[in-house]
C-alpha atoms as a PDB file:
ATOM      1  CA  MET A   1      22.588 -88.295  -8.211  1.00  0.00           C
ATOM      2  CA  ARG A   2      19.970 -85.570  -8.654  1.00  0.00           C
ATOM      3  CA  LEU A   3      16.470 -86.889  -7.956  1.00  0.00           C
ATOM      4  CA  PHE A   4      14.519 -83.754  -7.043  1.00  0.00           C
ATOM      5  CA  ARG A   5      13.856 -80.569  -9.009  1.00  0.00           C
ATOM      6  CA  GLY A   6      11.007 -78.427  -7.640  1.00  0.00           C
ATOM      7  CA  ALA A   7      11.054 -76.540  -4.324  1.00  0.00           C
ATOM      8  CA  GLN A   8       8.765 -79.066  -2.629  1.00  0.00           C
ATOM      9  CA  ASP A   9      10.837 -81.938  -3.966  1.00  0.00           C
ATOM     10  CA  ARG A  10      14.029 -80.252  -2.728  1.00  0.00           C
ATOM     11  CA  ARG A  11      12.558 -80.126   0.778  1.00  0.00           C
ATOM     12  CA  HIS A  12      11.833 -83.820   0.370  1.00  0.00           C
ATOM     13  CA  ALA A  13      15.458 -84.344  -0.697  1.00  0.00           C
ATOM     14  CA  LYS A  14      16.682 -82.608   2.470  1.00  0.00           C
ATOM     15  CA  GLN A  15      14.539 -84.924   4.608  1.00  0.00           C
ATOM     16  CA  LEU A  16      15.956 -87.960   2.833  1.00  0.00           C
ATOM     17  CA  GLN A  17      19.489 -86.634   3.207  1.00  0.00           C
ATOM     18  CA  ASP A  18      18.929 -86.364   6.960  1.00  0.00           C
ATOM     19  CA  GLN A  19      17.797 -89.988   6.980  1.00  0.00           C
ATOM     20  CA  LEU A  20      20.837 -91.048   4.946  1.00  0.00           C
ATOM     21  CA  GLU A  21      23.094 -89.389   7.509  1.00  0.00           C
ATOM     22  CA  LEU A  22      21.431 -91.432  10.256  1.00  0.00           C
ATOM     23  CA  ILE A  23      21.986 -94.574   8.172  1.00  0.00           C
ATOM     24  CA  GLU A  24      25.611 -93.615   7.612  1.00  0.00           C
ATOM     25  CA  ALA A  25      26.217 -93.094  11.320  1.00  0.00           C
ATOM     26  CA  GLY A  26      24.542 -96.407  12.091  1.00  0.00           C
ATOM     27  CA  LEU A  27      26.697 -98.204   9.548  1.00  0.00           C
ATOM     28  CA  MET A  28      29.868 -96.936  11.196  1.00  0.00           C
ATOM     29  CA  GLU A  29      28.588 -98.213  14.544  1.00  0.00           C
ATOM     30  CA  HIS A  30      27.642-101.617  13.166  1.00  0.00           C
ATOM     31  CA  LEU A  31      31.029-101.969  11.468  1.00  0.00           C
ATOM     32  CA  ALA A  32      32.954-101.366  14.696  1.00  0.00           C
ATOM     33  CA  PHE A  33      34.843-104.376  16.024  1.00  0.00           C
ATOM     34  CA  ALA A  34      36.528-104.659  19.404  1.00  0.00           C
ATOM     35  CA  SER A  35      39.518-106.316  17.757  1.00  0.00           C
ATOM     36  CA  PRO A  36      41.744-103.725  16.022  1.00  0.00           C
ATOM     37  CA  VAL A  37      42.806-106.465  13.598  1.00  0.00           C
ATOM     38  CA  ALA A  38      39.205-106.640  12.343  1.00  0.00           C
ATOM     39  CA  ASP A  39      38.125-103.035  12.859  1.00  0.00           C
ATOM     40  CA  ALA A  40      40.345-101.267  10.323  1.00  0.00           C
ATOM     41  CA  PRO A  41      39.720-103.566   7.321  1.00  0.00           C
ATOM     42  CA  ALA A  42      35.994-103.899   8.094  1.00  0.00           C
ATOM     43  CA  ARG A  43      35.518-100.104   8.044  1.00  0.00           C
ATOM     44  CA  TYR A  44      37.872 -99.523   5.114  1.00  0.00           C
ATOM     45  CA  LEU A  45      35.507 -99.491   2.122  1.00  0.00           C
ATOM     46  CA  MET A  46      32.722 -97.853   4.106  1.00  0.00           C
ATOM     47  CA  SER A  47      35.052 -94.933   4.857  1.00  0.00           C
ATOM     48  CA  ALA A  48      35.936 -94.631   1.154  1.00  0.00           C
ATOM     49  CA  GLY A  49      32.426 -93.368   0.394  1.00  0.00           C
ATOM     50  CA  GLY A  50      30.113 -94.475  -2.388  1.00  0.00           C
ATOM     51  CA  LYS A  51      26.875 -93.555  -4.129  1.00  0.00           C
ATOM     52  CA  ARG A  52      24.606 -95.200  -1.500  1.00  0.00           C
ATOM     53  CA  ILE A  53      22.034 -96.011  -4.192  1.00  0.00           C
ATOM     54  CA  ARG A  54      20.658 -98.947  -2.225  1.00  0.00           C
ATOM     55  CA  PRO A  55      19.922 -97.112   1.066  1.00  0.00           C
ATOM     56  CA  MET A  56      18.407 -94.223  -0.885  1.00  0.00           C
ATOM     57  CA  LEU A  57      16.127 -96.651  -2.707  1.00  0.00           C
ATOM     58  CA  THR A  58      15.017 -98.254   0.568  1.00  0.00           C
ATOM     59  CA  LEU A  59      14.185 -94.820   1.972  1.00  0.00           C
ATOM     60  CA  LEU A  60      12.276 -93.817  -1.160  1.00  0.00           C
ATOM     61  CA  THR A  61      10.136 -96.943  -1.384  1.00  0.00           C
ATOM     62  CA  SER A  62       9.353 -96.737   2.338  1.00  0.00           C
ATOM     63  CA  GLU A  63       7.601 -93.461   1.550  1.00  0.00           C
ATOM     64  CA  LEU A  64       5.037 -95.415  -0.438  1.00  0.00           C
ATOM     65  CA  GLY A  65       3.823 -96.280   3.080  1.00  0.00           C
ATOM     66  CA  ASP A  66       4.634 -94.703   6.430  1.00  0.00           C
ATOM     67  CA  GLY A  67       8.111 -93.525   5.479  1.00  0.00           C
ATOM     68  CA  PRO A  68      11.479 -94.047   7.157  1.00  0.00           C
ATOM     69  CA  GLY A  69      11.524 -95.453  10.671  1.00  0.00           C
ATOM     70  CA  GLU A  70      13.990 -97.466  12.711  1.00  0.00           C
ATOM     71  CA  LEU A  71      13.278-100.725  10.852  1.00  0.00           C
ATOM     72  CA  VAL A  72      13.576 -99.034   7.453  1.00  0.00           C
ATOM     73  CA  ARG A  73      16.947 -97.585   8.423  1.00  0.00           C
ATOM     74  CA  ARG A  74      18.094-100.946   9.749  1.00  0.00           C
ATOM     75  CA  ALA A  75      17.054-102.639   6.512  1.00  0.00           C
ATOM     76  CA  ALA A  76      18.923-100.011   4.493  1.00  0.00           C
ATOM     77  CA  GLN A  77      22.026-100.578   6.613  1.00  0.00           C
ATOM     78  CA  ALA A  78      21.835-104.358   6.174  1.00  0.00           C
ATOM     79  CA  VAL A  79      21.533-104.026   2.402  1.00  0.00           C
ATOM     80  CA  GLU A  80      24.428-101.571   2.124  1.00  0.00           C
ATOM     81  CA  MET A  81      26.561-103.747   4.404  1.00  0.00           C
ATOM     82  CA  THR A  82      25.843-106.744   2.163  1.00  0.00           C
ATOM     83  CA  HIS A  83      26.879-104.679  -0.855  1.00  0.00           C
ATOM     84  CA  LEU A  84      30.121-103.594   0.819  1.00  0.00           C
ATOM     85  CA  ALA A  85      30.885-107.185   1.787  1.00  0.00           C
ATOM     86  CA  SER A  86      30.501-108.304  -1.818  1.00  0.00           C
ATOM     87  CA  LEU A  87      32.989-105.642  -2.963  1.00  0.00           C
ATOM     88  CA  TYR A  88      35.764-107.080  -0.795  1.00  0.00           C
ATOM     89  CA  HIS A  89      35.237-110.502  -2.379  1.00  0.00           C
ATOM     90  CA  ASP A  90      34.854-109.135  -5.924  1.00  0.00           C
ATOM     91  CA  ASP A  91      38.116-107.199  -5.706  1.00  0.00           C
ATOM     92  CA  VAL A  92      40.037-110.277  -4.590  1.00  0.00           C
ATOM     93  CA  MET A  93      38.578-112.413  -7.385  1.00  0.00           C
ATOM     94  CA  ASP A  94      39.156-109.700  -9.996  1.00  0.00           C
ATOM     95  CA  ASP A  95      42.626-108.799  -8.662  1.00  0.00           C
ATOM     96  CA  ALA A  96      41.449-105.178  -8.629  1.00  0.00           C
ATOM     97  CA  LYS A  97      43.940-102.491  -7.665  1.00  0.00           C
ATOM     98  CA  LEU A  98      41.537 -99.654  -6.868  1.00  0.00           C
ATOM     99  CA  ARG A  99      38.073 -99.325  -5.358  1.00  0.00           C
ATOM    100  CA  ARG A 100      36.314 -95.982  -4.930  1.00  0.00           C
ATOM    101  CA  GLY A 101      39.523 -94.115  -5.594  1.00  0.00           C
ATOM    102  CA  VAL A 102      41.559 -95.888  -2.904  1.00  0.00           C
ATOM    103  CA  PRO A 103      43.754 -99.006  -3.066  1.00  0.00           C
ATOM    104  CA  ALA A 104      41.650-102.175  -2.937  1.00  0.00           C
ATOM    105  CA  ALA A 105      41.576-103.790   0.513  1.00  0.00           C
ATOM    106  CA  GLN A 106      43.672-106.806  -0.456  1.00  0.00           C
ATOM    107  CA  THR A 107      46.482-104.526  -1.666  1.00  0.00           C
ATOM    108  CA  VAL A 108      46.549-102.852   1.756  1.00  0.00           C
ATOM    109  CA  TRP A 109      46.375-106.074   3.772  1.00  0.00           C
ATOM    110  CA  SER A 110      46.155-109.400   1.913  1.00  0.00           C
ATOM    111  CA  ASN A 111      43.674-111.546   0.003  1.00  0.00           C
ATOM    112  CA  SER A 112      42.888-113.527   3.127  1.00  0.00           C
ATOM    113  CA  VAL A 113      42.255-110.454   5.277  1.00  0.00           C
ATOM    114  CA  ALA A 114      40.056-108.877   2.580  1.00  0.00           C
ATOM    115  CA  ILE A 115      37.976-112.051   2.219  1.00  0.00           C
ATOM    116  CA  LEU A 116      37.567-112.346   5.983  1.00  0.00           C
ATOM    117  CA  ALA A 117      36.618-108.662   6.241  1.00  0.00           C
ATOM    118  CA  GLY A 118      33.896-109.313   3.675  1.00  0.00           C
ATOM    119  CA  ASP A 119      32.753-112.331   5.661  1.00  0.00           C
ATOM    120  CA  LEU A 120      32.540-110.206   8.812  1.00  0.00           C
ATOM    121  CA  LEU A 121      30.324-107.712   7.001  1.00  0.00           C
ATOM    122  CA  PHE A 122      28.070-110.481   5.700  1.00  0.00           C
ATOM    123  CA  ALA A 123      27.791-111.744   9.277  1.00  0.00           C
ATOM    124  CA  ARG A 124      26.900-108.310  10.636  1.00  0.00           C
ATOM    125  CA  ALA A 125      24.311-107.790   7.893  1.00  0.00           C
ATOM    126  CA  SER A 126      22.731-111.150   8.712  1.00  0.00           C
ATOM    127  CA  SER A 127      22.720-110.249  12.405  1.00  0.00           C
ATOM    128  CA  LEU A 128      20.866-107.014  11.636  1.00  0.00           C
ATOM    129  CA  VAL A 129      18.245-108.815   9.564  1.00  0.00           C
ATOM    130  CA  SER A 130      17.809-111.658  12.054  1.00  0.00           C
ATOM    131  CA  GLY A 131      15.606-109.577  14.311  1.00  0.00           C
ATOM    132  CA  MET A 132      13.392-108.258  11.513  1.00  0.00           C
ATOM    133  CA  GLY A 133      11.173-111.264  10.906  1.00  0.00           C
ATOM    134  CA  GLU A 134      11.114-114.445   8.862  1.00  0.00           C
ATOM    135  CA  GLU A 135      10.307-112.751   5.542  1.00  0.00           C
ATOM    136  CA  ALA A 136      13.332-110.452   5.856  1.00  0.00           C
ATOM    137  CA  ILE A 137      15.610-113.349   6.810  1.00  0.00           C
ATOM    138  CA  MET A 138      14.455-115.365   3.791  1.00  0.00           C
ATOM    139  CA  LEU A 139      14.831-112.372   1.458  1.00  0.00           C
ATOM    140  CA  GLN A 140      18.366-111.763   2.712  1.00  0.00           C
ATOM    141  CA  ALA A 141      19.267-115.445   2.254  1.00  0.00           C
ATOM    142  CA  GLN A 142      17.829-115.594  -1.272  1.00  0.00           C
ATOM    143  CA  THR A 143      19.664-112.409  -2.227  1.00  0.00           C
ATOM    144  CA  PHE A 144      22.964-113.720  -0.855  1.00  0.00           C
ATOM    145  CA  GLU A 145      22.461-116.902  -2.874  1.00  0.00           C
ATOM    146  CA  ARG A 146      21.978-114.887  -6.058  1.00  0.00           C
ATOM    147  CA  LEU A 147      25.101-112.831  -5.356  1.00  0.00           C
ATOM    148  CA  CYS A 148      27.113-116.039  -5.021  1.00  0.00           C
ATOM    149  CA  LEU A 149      25.566-117.622  -8.127  1.00  0.00           C
ATOM    150  CA  GLY A 150      26.238-114.485 -10.155  1.00  0.00           C
ATOM    151  CA  GLN A 151      29.885-114.461  -9.128  1.00  0.00           C
ATOM    152  CA  LEU A 152      30.197-118.204  -9.790  1.00  0.00           C
ATOM    153  CA  HIS A 153      28.654-117.943 -13.259  1.00  0.00           C
ATOM    154  CA  GLU A 154      30.883-114.978 -14.080  1.00  0.00           C
ATOM    155  CA  THR A 155      33.965-116.879 -12.917  1.00  0.00           C
ATOM    156  CA  VAL A 156      33.149-120.088 -14.803  1.00  0.00           C
ATOM    157  CA  GLY A 157      31.798-118.328 -17.894  1.00  0.00           C
ATOM    158  CA  PRO A 158      29.122-119.480 -20.332  1.00  0.00           C
ATOM    159  CA  ARG A 159      28.906-123.111 -21.377  1.00  0.00           C
ATOM    160  CA  PRO A 160      29.241-123.944 -25.089  1.00  0.00           C
ATOM    161  CA  GLU A 161      25.449-124.199 -25.434  1.00  0.00           C
ATOM    162  CA  ASP A 162      24.801-120.862 -23.673  1.00  0.00           C
ATOM    163  CA  ASP A 163      24.150-117.560 -25.403  1.00  0.00           C
ATOM    164  CA  PRO A 164      27.099-115.457 -24.137  1.00  0.00           C
ATOM    165  CA  ILE A 165      25.064-112.241 -24.103  1.00  0.00           C
ATOM    166  CA  ALA A 166      22.114-113.771 -22.233  1.00  0.00           C
ATOM    167  CA  HIS A 167      24.620-115.321 -19.806  1.00  0.00           C
ATOM    168  CA  TYR A 168      26.247-111.924 -19.260  1.00  0.00           C
ATOM    169  CA  ILE A 169      22.939-110.145 -18.620  1.00  0.00           C
ATOM    170  CA  GLN A 170      21.960-112.835 -16.100  1.00  0.00           C
ATOM    171  CA  VAL A 171      25.261-112.343 -14.275  1.00  0.00           C
ATOM    172  CA  LEU A 172      24.525-108.607 -14.039  1.00  0.00           C
ATOM    173  CA  ALA A 173      21.000-109.307 -12.796  1.00  0.00           C
ATOM    174  CA  ASP A 174      22.325-111.646 -10.098  1.00  0.00           C
ATOM    175  CA  LYS A 175      25.414-109.725  -9.015  1.00  0.00           C
ATOM    176  CA  THR A 176      23.949-106.208  -9.081  1.00  0.00           C
ATOM    177  CA  GLY A 177      20.229-106.244  -9.814  1.00  0.00           C
ATOM    178  CA  ALA A 178      19.275-108.696  -7.057  1.00  0.00           C
ATOM    179  CA  LEU A 179      20.548-106.577  -4.177  1.00  0.00           C
ATOM    180  CA  ILE A 180      19.093-103.348  -5.562  1.00  0.00           C
ATOM    181  CA  ALA A 181      15.762-105.157  -5.947  1.00  0.00           C
ATOM    182  CA  THR A 182      15.995-106.272  -2.310  1.00  0.00           C
ATOM    183  CA  ALA A 183      16.721-102.703  -1.217  1.00  0.00           C
ATOM    184  CA  ALA A 184      13.513-101.581  -2.927  1.00  0.00           C
ATOM    185  CA  ARG A 185      11.410-104.371  -1.433  1.00  0.00           C
ATOM    186  CA  MET A 186      12.759-103.753   2.077  1.00  0.00           C
ATOM    187  CA  GLY A 187      11.436-100.195   1.928  1.00  0.00           C
ATOM    188  CA  VAL A 188       7.955-101.405   1.045  1.00  0.00           C
ATOM    189  CA  MET A 189       8.061-104.121   3.728  1.00  0.00           C
ATOM    190  CA  PHE A 190       9.238-101.984   6.623  1.00  0.00           C
ATOM    191  CA  GLY A 191       7.548 -98.784   5.525  1.00  0.00           C
ATOM    192  CA  ASN A 192       4.207-100.646   5.693  1.00  0.00           C
ATOM    193  CA  ALA A 193       3.419 -99.773   2.079  1.00  0.00           C
ATOM    194  CA  PRO A 194       0.686-101.675   0.196  1.00  0.00           C
ATOM    195  CA  VAL A 195       1.875-105.228  -0.430  1.00  0.00           C
ATOM    196  CA  GLU A 196       0.960-104.974  -4.123  1.00  0.00           C
ATOM    197  CA  TYR A 197       3.869-102.525  -4.572  1.00  0.00           C
ATOM    198  CA  ALA A 198       6.494-105.081  -3.501  1.00  0.00           C
ATOM    199  CA  ASP A 199       6.924-106.994  -6.772  1.00  0.00           C
ATOM    200  CA  PRO A 200       6.856-103.900  -9.033  1.00  0.00           C
ATOM    201  CA  VAL A 201       9.554-102.101  -7.051  1.00  0.00           C
ATOM    202  CA  MET A 202      11.650-105.282  -7.060  1.00  0.00           C
ATOM    203  CA  GLU A 203      11.382-105.480 -10.832  1.00  0.00           C
ATOM    204  CA  TYR A 204      12.299-101.806 -11.011  1.00  0.00           C
ATOM    205  CA  GLY A 205      15.332-102.385  -8.778  1.00  0.00           C
ATOM    206  CA  GLU A 206      16.634-105.352 -10.721  1.00  0.00           C
ATOM    207  CA  ARG A 207      16.280-103.572 -14.040  1.00  0.00           C
ATOM    208  CA  ILE A 208      18.040-100.390 -12.930  1.00  0.00           C
ATOM    209  CA  GLY A 209      20.799-102.620 -11.552  1.00  0.00           C
ATOM    210  CA  VAL A 210      21.364-104.153 -14.981  1.00  0.00           C
ATOM    211  CA  ALA A 211      21.147-100.716 -16.609  1.00  0.00           C
ATOM    212  CA  PHE A 212      23.748 -99.397 -14.145  1.00  0.00           C
ATOM    213  CA  GLN A 213      26.252-102.105 -15.067  1.00  0.00           C
ATOM    214  CA  LEU A 214      25.657-101.743 -18.810  1.00  0.00           C
ATOM    215  CA  ILE A 215      26.365 -98.013 -18.598  1.00  0.00           C
ATOM    216  CA  ASP A 216      29.527 -98.917 -16.682  1.00  0.00           C
ATOM    217  CA  ASP A 217      30.557-100.932 -19.753  1.00  0.00           C
ATOM    218  CA  VAL A 218      30.249 -97.755 -21.834  1.00  0.00           C
ATOM    219  CA  ILE A 219      31.972 -95.593 -19.202  1.00  0.00           C
ATOM    220  CA  ASP A 220      34.886 -98.039 -19.098  1.00  0.00           C
ATOM    221  CA  LEU A 221      35.719 -97.079 -22.679  1.00  0.00           C
ATOM    222  CA  SER A 222      35.104 -93.359 -22.202  1.00  0.00           C
ATOM    223  CA  PRO A 223      37.819 -90.700 -22.523  1.00  0.00           C
ATOM    224  CA  GLN A 224      36.259 -89.197 -19.369  1.00  0.00           C
ATOM    225  CA  LYS A 225      38.168 -91.873 -17.432  1.00  0.00           C
ATOM    226  CA  GLU A 226      41.428 -90.539 -18.813  1.00  0.00           C
ATOM    227  CA  GLN A 227      40.571 -87.077 -17.475  1.00  0.00           C
ATOM    228  CA  THR A 228      40.399 -88.525 -13.952  1.00  0.00           C
ATOM    229  CA  GLY A 229      43.760 -90.228 -14.271  1.00  0.00           C
ATOM    230  CA  LYS A 230      42.317 -93.656 -15.008  1.00  0.00           C
ATOM    231  CA  ARG A 231      43.047 -95.587 -18.148  1.00  0.00           C
ATOM    232  CA  ALA A 232      40.098 -96.104 -20.478  1.00  0.00           C
ATOM    233  CA  GLY A 233      39.399 -99.730 -21.289  1.00  0.00           C
ATOM    234  CA  THR A 234      40.417-101.142 -17.907  1.00  0.00           C
ATOM    235  CA  ASP A 235      38.037-104.081 -18.277  1.00  0.00           C
ATOM    236  CA  LEU A 236      39.073-104.747 -21.859  1.00  0.00           C
ATOM    237  CA  ARG A 237      42.767-104.787 -20.945  1.00  0.00           C
ATOM    238  CA  ALA A 238      42.012-107.199 -18.075  1.00  0.00           C
ATOM    239  CA  GLY A 239      40.346-109.618 -20.478  1.00  0.00           C
ATOM    240  CA  VAL A 240      36.835-108.941 -19.158  1.00  0.00           C
ATOM    241  CA  ALA A 241      34.200-109.499 -21.833  1.00  0.00           C
ATOM    242  CA  THR A 242      31.741-106.631 -21.343  1.00  0.00           C
ATOM    243  CA  LEU A 243      28.761-106.084 -23.627  1.00  0.00           C
ATOM    244  CA  PRO A 244      30.518-104.055 -26.383  1.00  0.00           C
ATOM    245  CA  LEU A 245      33.047-106.850 -26.860  1.00  0.00           C
ATOM    246  CA  LEU A 246      30.359-109.546 -26.698  1.00  0.00           C
ATOM    247  CA  LEU A 247      28.339-107.712 -29.352  1.00  0.00           C
ATOM    248  CA  LEU A 248      31.432-107.408 -31.532  1.00  0.00           C
ATOM    249  CA  ARG A 249      32.080-111.148 -31.170  1.00  0.00           C
ATOM    250  CA  GLN A 250      28.453-111.834 -32.083  1.00  0.00           C
ATOM    251  CA  ARG A 251      28.803-109.793 -35.267  1.00  0.00           C
ATOM    252  CA  VAL A 252      31.972-111.587 -36.317  1.00  0.00           C
ATOM    253  CA  ALA A 253      30.470-114.999 -35.511  1.00  0.00           C
ATOM    254  CA  ALA A 254      27.479-114.079 -37.688  1.00  0.00           C
ATOM    255  CA  GLY A 255      29.780-113.486 -40.637  1.00  0.00           C
ATOM    256  CA  ALA A 256      30.898-109.872 -40.321  1.00  0.00           C
ATOM    257  CA  GLY A 257      34.388-109.464 -41.701  1.00  0.00           C
ATOM    258  CA  GLY A 258      36.505-106.486 -42.614  1.00  0.00           C
ATOM    259  CA  ALA A 259      36.966-103.875 -39.885  1.00  0.00           C
ATOM    260  CA  ASP A 260      34.904-105.808 -37.322  1.00  0.00           C
ATOM    261  CA  ALA A 261      36.996-108.963 -37.651  1.00  0.00           C
ATOM    262  CA  GLU A 262      40.208-106.943 -37.652  1.00  0.00           C
ATOM    263  CA  LEU A 263      39.219-105.086 -34.480  1.00  0.00           C
ATOM    264  CA  LEU A 264      38.274-108.300 -32.694  1.00  0.00           C
ATOM    265  CA  ALA A 265      41.580-109.911 -33.682  1.00  0.00           C
ATOM    266  CA  GLN A 266      43.437-106.806 -32.504  1.00  0.00           C
ATOM    267  CA  ILE A 267      41.696-106.924 -29.122  1.00  0.00           C
ATOM    268  CA  GLU A 268      42.243-110.627 -28.580  1.00  0.00           C
ATOM    269  CA  ALA A 269      45.890-110.406 -29.584  1.00  0.00           C
ATOM    270  CA  GLY A 270      46.414-107.406 -27.306  1.00  0.00           C
ATOM    271  CA  VAL A 271      44.818-109.145 -24.319  1.00  0.00           C
ATOM    272  CA  ALA A 272      47.058-112.165 -24.902  1.00  0.00           C
ATOM    273  CA  GLU A 273      50.121-109.893 -25.029  1.00  0.00           C
ATOM    274  CA  ILE A 274      49.148-108.191 -21.769  1.00  0.00           C
ATOM    275  CA  GLU A 275      48.621-111.565 -20.093  1.00  0.00           C
ATOM    276  CA  GLY A 276      52.109-112.449 -21.298  1.00  0.00           C
ATOM    277  CA  GLY A 277      53.595-109.396 -19.611  1.00  0.00           C
ATOM    278  CA  ALA A 278      53.287-106.662 -22.260  1.00  0.00           C
ATOM    279  CA  ASP A 279      52.363-103.123 -21.262  1.00  0.00           C
ATOM    280  CA  ALA A 280      48.623-102.399 -21.277  1.00  0.00           C
ATOM    281  CA  SER A 281      49.204 -99.611 -23.805  1.00  0.00           C
ATOM    282  CA  VAL A 282      49.243-102.223 -26.591  1.00  0.00           C
ATOM    283  CA  LEU A 283      45.438-101.925 -26.558  1.00  0.00           C
ATOM    284  CA  ASP A 284      45.240 -98.112 -26.680  1.00  0.00           C
ATOM    285  CA  ALA A 285      44.244 -97.985 -30.349  1.00  0.00           C
ATOM    286  CA  ALA A 286      41.743-100.840 -29.956  1.00  0.00           C
ATOM    287  CA  VAL A 287      40.063 -99.084 -27.020  1.00  0.00           C
ATOM    288  CA  VAL A 288      39.598 -95.948 -29.115  1.00  0.00           C
ATOM    289  CA  ALA A 289      38.217 -98.010 -32.007  1.00  0.00           C
ATOM    290  CA  LEU A 290      35.798 -99.946 -29.794  1.00  0.00           C
ATOM    291  CA  ARG A 291      34.638 -96.694 -28.163  1.00  0.00           C
ATOM    292  CA  ALA A 292      33.737 -95.323 -31.611  1.00  0.00           C
ATOM    293  CA  HIS A 293      32.151 -98.573 -32.806  1.00  0.00           C
ATOM    294  CA  GLU A 294      28.418 -99.055 -33.189  1.00  0.00           C
ATOM    295  CA  VAL A 295      28.439-101.854 -30.576  1.00  0.00           C
ATOM    296  CA  THR A 296      29.154 -99.291 -27.859  1.00  0.00           C
ATOM    297  CA  ARG A 297      26.155 -97.204 -28.955  1.00  0.00           C
ATOM    298  CA  GLU A 298      24.131-100.429 -28.969  1.00  0.00           C
ATOM    299  CA  THR A 299      25.243-101.116 -25.391  1.00  0.00           C
ATOM    300  CA  GLU A 300      24.115 -97.657 -24.327  1.00  0.00           C
ATOM    301  CA  ALA A 301      20.755 -98.185 -26.045  1.00  0.00           C
ATOM    302  CA  THR A 302      20.376-101.530 -24.268  1.00  0.00           C
ATOM    303  CA  ALA A 303      21.009 -99.839 -20.918  1.00  0.00           C
ATOM    304  CA  ARG A 304      18.383 -97.213 -21.687  1.00  0.00           C
ATOM    305  CA  ARG A 305      15.891 -99.912 -22.631  1.00  0.00           C
ATOM    306  CA  TRP A 306      16.412-101.627 -19.272  1.00  0.00           C
ATOM    307  CA  ALA A 307      15.913 -98.288 -17.497  1.00  0.00           C
ATOM    308  CA  THR A 308      12.737 -97.600 -19.497  1.00  0.00           C
ATOM    309  CA  GLU A 309      11.380-101.024 -18.599  1.00  0.00           C
ATOM    310  CA  ALA A 310      12.251-100.345 -14.947  1.00  0.00           C
ATOM    311  CA  VAL A 311      10.134 -97.203 -14.971  1.00  0.00           C
ATOM    312  CA  ALA A 312       7.295 -99.017 -16.734  1.00  0.00           C
ATOM    313  CA  ALA A 313       7.219-101.501 -13.835  1.00  0.00           C
ATOM    314  CA  LEU A 314       6.151 -98.606 -11.596  1.00  0.00           C
ATOM    315  CA  ASP A 315       2.873 -97.990 -13.446  1.00  0.00           C
ATOM    316  CA  ILE A 316       0.918 -99.295 -10.456  1.00  0.00           C
ATOM    317  CA  LEU A 317       2.316 -96.570  -8.189  1.00  0.00           C
ATOM    318  CA  PRO A 318       0.301 -93.365  -7.664  1.00  0.00           C
ATOM    319  CA  LYS A 319       1.713 -90.104  -9.011  1.00  0.00           C
ATOM    320  CA  SER A 320       3.823 -88.601  -6.245  1.00  0.00           C
ATOM    321  CA  ALA A 321       7.212 -87.127  -5.369  1.00  0.00           C
ATOM    322  CA  VAL A 322       8.384 -90.676  -4.667  1.00  0.00           C
ATOM    323  CA  LYS A 323       7.437 -91.942  -8.109  1.00  0.00           C
ATOM    324  CA  ARG A 324       9.052 -88.903  -9.746  1.00  0.00           C
ATOM    325  CA  ALA A 325      12.235 -89.535  -7.761  1.00  0.00           C
ATOM    326  CA  LEU A 326      12.319 -93.198  -8.805  1.00  0.00           C
ATOM    327  CA  GLU A 327      11.857 -92.195 -12.448  1.00  0.00           C
ATOM    328  CA  GLN A 328      14.643 -89.638 -12.097  1.00  0.00           C
ATOM    329  CA  MET A 329      16.900 -92.212 -10.454  1.00  0.00           C
ATOM    330  CA  ALA A 330      16.526 -94.483 -13.481  1.00  0.00           C
ATOM    331  CA  ASP A 331      17.308 -91.593 -15.824  1.00  0.00           C
ATOM    332  CA  SER A 332      20.307 -90.468 -13.751  1.00  0.00           C
ATOM    333  CA  ILE A 333      21.784 -93.970 -13.809  1.00  0.00           C
ATOM    334  CA  VAL A 334      21.875 -94.136 -17.611  1.00  0.00           C
ATOM    335  CA  SER A 335      22.982 -90.503 -17.970  1.00  0.00           C
ATOM    336  CA  ARG A 336      26.147 -90.990 -15.902  1.00  0.00           C
ATOM    337  CA  GLU A 337      29.548 -90.160 -17.321  1.00  0.00           C
ATOM    338  CA  GLY A 338      31.519 -91.607 -14.447  1.00  0.00           C
END
């Protein structure tokens, strides 16, 4: 993720990269367990890599104050550990086969081991935060609650009286936006930045989290996935209702017929066939059609609107390399192709 352009900003990027390497080394230490039964699964997803958006955001917002120090790095580690823990649980609940290009943890060990590995990471994250003051402990607890609520609401689905799209956006805000918002606030807290920056950077973090997931909905349908050996439309084939499908359903419910109704029927029939044991290729044509449909462009536009609103939340911040980097982060998130 490219956040810096000028020579001065590139020097800044090198300083942040050095800090990220310290965070990375610390994470590996914190994820070490004396028991070999726990050690390998607990380190598994950490070793698989990742974008490290959350630690980077904590480092950046800390520079609105005194910059990275030991407490900032510890906060970044706790947030990333919480994120990793949630991935173990998500993959079990979603019956995912891959994560970060490697087999999902439960396919290597078992559902029970993967869940317990996630629990161990949650415990270590809480242990890290426990010595950082009451405000940090409460923030961590509130964030964990939102992660659980987001997963619960996703699992149960919208009630008959709920707007499915509003329900979906709230799930994204809880499951992804909440932790990114916490990462941003932790940087302000432990970087001793002005307290009036805390709420704006949290709003920024939550909004880029939603934008990130909405762009993932577009990427899921992209032919770029096929170039990396992955099958486009993974979520669609698994029966996951992402925003393009929800928008298509909304159109048909509002009276759209013709090609829209035919495409929706094709998708729903294909998902039912796959659930009955048919090969996932039965949805190949529907994936191509949904990719080309206006609802996918609408999803991309919605993601960009969330990113624009995230940047607008930063109006209170002074012009600086940090603010430019945060603006660029928002742009990079919605410009991703994979």
